[in-house]
Amino acid sequence: MRAWDQTGCPSTWRHFGRTVGLVLFGAHLLLVGYLAYKSEFIPNCLGALICIAGGGYAFDGLATVLSNGSIPKITPFTFIGGLALALCLVIRDRHLSAGELAATRMPA
């Protein structure tokens, strides 16, 4: 008999949904990291860190499915890419003038 959680869904479905979410979020970060690496607005090292973070999330999700959860997690070490991106965007936005911001926007 399956174990049911408080939401009424089997707990295996919730676990599977979380794992799929990790893999999709990792793929998203890989794409964002690649675009940041190719961009001139974000430093290349930051794009590489975001790619590493995306790979960590995707690896954790896939490893959980393939090994029944017995593999150690690496996302506690790879989250630094997302944190660095957030800090870079906040700090850089404060230092750009209105003319520089207008130059970075795409024409309509």
Protein backbone atom coordinates (compact mmCIF):
# COMPACT_ATOMS: atom_id res chain seq x y z
CA MET A 1 0.00 0.00 0.00
CA ARG A 2 1.27 3.48 -0.88
CA ALA A 3 1.98 6.08 1.73
CA TRP A 4 -0.24 9.13 1.30
CA ASP A 5 0.86 12.55 2.44
CA GLN A 6 -1.32 15.34 3.82
CA THR A 7 -2.19 16.77 0.39
CA GLY A 8 -3.89 13.57 -0.74
CA CYS A 9 -1.21 12.60 -3.27
CA PRO A 10 0.95 9.52 -3.00
CA SER A 11 4.29 10.54 -1.52
CA THR A 12 6.12 8.90 -4.44
CA TRP A 13 4.36 11.31 -6.83
CA ARG A 14 5.44 14.30 -4.76
CA HIS A 15 9.02 13.02 -4.69
CA PHE A 16 8.94 12.40 -8.44
CA GLY A 17 7.57 15.90 -9.08
CA ARG A 18 10.29 17.48 -6.99
CA THR A 19 12.94 15.50 -8.84
CA VAL A 20 11.57 16.50 -12.26
CA GLY A 21 11.52 20.09 -11.04
CA LEU A 22 15.19 19.89 -10.09
CA VAL A 23 16.15 18.54 -13.50
CA LEU A 24 14.14 21.21 -15.33
CA PHE A 25 15.54 23.97 -13.12
CA GLY A 26 19.03 22.64 -13.81
CA ALA A 27 18.38 22.70 -17.56
CA HIS A 28 17.06 26.26 -17.19
CA LEU A 29 20.21 27.35 -15.37
CA LEU A 30 22.39 25.69 -18.00
CA LEU A 31 20.65 27.75 -20.69
CA VAL A 32 20.84 30.97 -18.65
CA GLY A 33 24.51 30.29 -17.92
CA TYR A 34 25.27 29.76 -21.60
CA LEU A 35 23.48 32.99 -22.52
CA ALA A 36 25.27 34.86 -19.74
CA TYR A 37 28.60 33.46 -20.94
CA LYS A 38 27.93 34.71 -24.48
CA SER A 39 26.60 38.06 -23.24
CA GLU A 40 28.76 41.14 -22.92
CA PHE A 41 26.65 42.44 -20.02
CA ILE A 42 27.52 39.62 -17.59
CA PRO A 43 31.12 38.51 -16.88
CA ASN A 44 32.11 35.18 -18.47
CA CYS A 45 33.16 33.67 -15.14
CA LEU A 46 29.64 34.29 -13.83
CA GLY A 47 28.15 32.47 -16.83
CA ALA A 48 30.42 29.52 -16.06
CA LEU A 49 29.34 29.52 -12.40
CA ILE A 50 25.69 29.49 -13.43
CA CYS A 51 26.35 26.55 -15.78
CA ILE A 52 28.04 24.68 -12.95
CA ALA A 53 25.04 25.36 -10.70
CA GLY A 54 22.67 24.13 -13.40
CA GLY A 55 24.72 21.00 -13.87
CA GLY A 56 24.63 20.40 -10.12
CA TYR A 57 20.85 20.66 -9.93
CA ALA A 58 20.39 18.43 -12.99
CA PHE A 59 22.90 15.90 -11.62
CA ASP A 60 21.17 15.74 -8.24
CA GLY A 61 17.78 15.21 -9.86
CA LEU A 62 18.97 12.51 -12.24
CA ALA A 63 21.13 10.79 -9.63
CA THR A 64 18.18 10.65 -7.23
CA VAL A 65 16.07 8.87 -9.83
CA LEU A 66 18.79 6.51 -11.01
CA SER A 67 20.17 5.54 -7.60
CA ASN A 68 17.05 5.59 -5.40
CA GLY A 69 18.35 8.58 -3.44
CA SER A 70 21.54 7.05 -2.04
CA ILE A 71 23.97 9.43 -3.76
CA PRO A 72 25.30 12.50 -1.89
CA LYS A 73 23.88 15.88 -2.92
CA ILE A 74 26.15 18.44 -4.60
CA THR A 75 23.72 21.37 -4.85
CA PRO A 76 24.75 22.79 -1.46
CA PHE A 77 28.09 23.59 -3.14
CA THR A 78 26.84 24.73 -6.55
CA PHE A 79 24.19 27.27 -5.51
CA ILE A 80 26.88 29.97 -5.50
CA GLY A 81 26.30 30.58 -9.23
CA GLY A 82 22.71 31.69 -8.74
CA LEU A 83 23.63 33.81 -5.75
CA ALA A 84 26.48 35.44 -7.67
CA LEU A 85 24.13 36.24 -10.59
CA ALA A 86 21.62 37.92 -8.28
CA LEU A 87 24.33 39.99 -6.60
CA CYS A 88 25.91 40.94 -9.92
CA LEU A 89 22.60 42.15 -11.33
CA VAL A 90 21.80 44.18 -8.23
CA ILE A 91 25.27 45.75 -7.97
CA ARG A 92 25.70 46.39 -11.70
CA ASP A 93 22.25 47.96 -12.01
CA ARG A 94 23.13 50.48 -9.33
CA HIS A 95 26.30 51.54 -11.17
CA LEU A 96 24.86 51.98 -14.67
CA SER A 97 23.74 55.40 -15.80
CA ALA A 98 20.48 55.98 -17.64
CA GLY A 99 22.34 56.20 -20.97
CA GLU A 100 24.12 52.89 -20.38
CA LEU A 101 20.84 51.23 -19.45
CA ALA A 102 19.19 52.54 -22.61
CA ALA A 103 22.10 51.23 -24.70
CA THR A 104 21.73 47.72 -23.27
CA ARG A 105 18.00 47.52 -24.12
CA MET A 106 16.98 46.08 -27.46
CA PRO A 107 15.37 48.50 -29.92
CA ALA A 108 11.62 48.13 -30.41
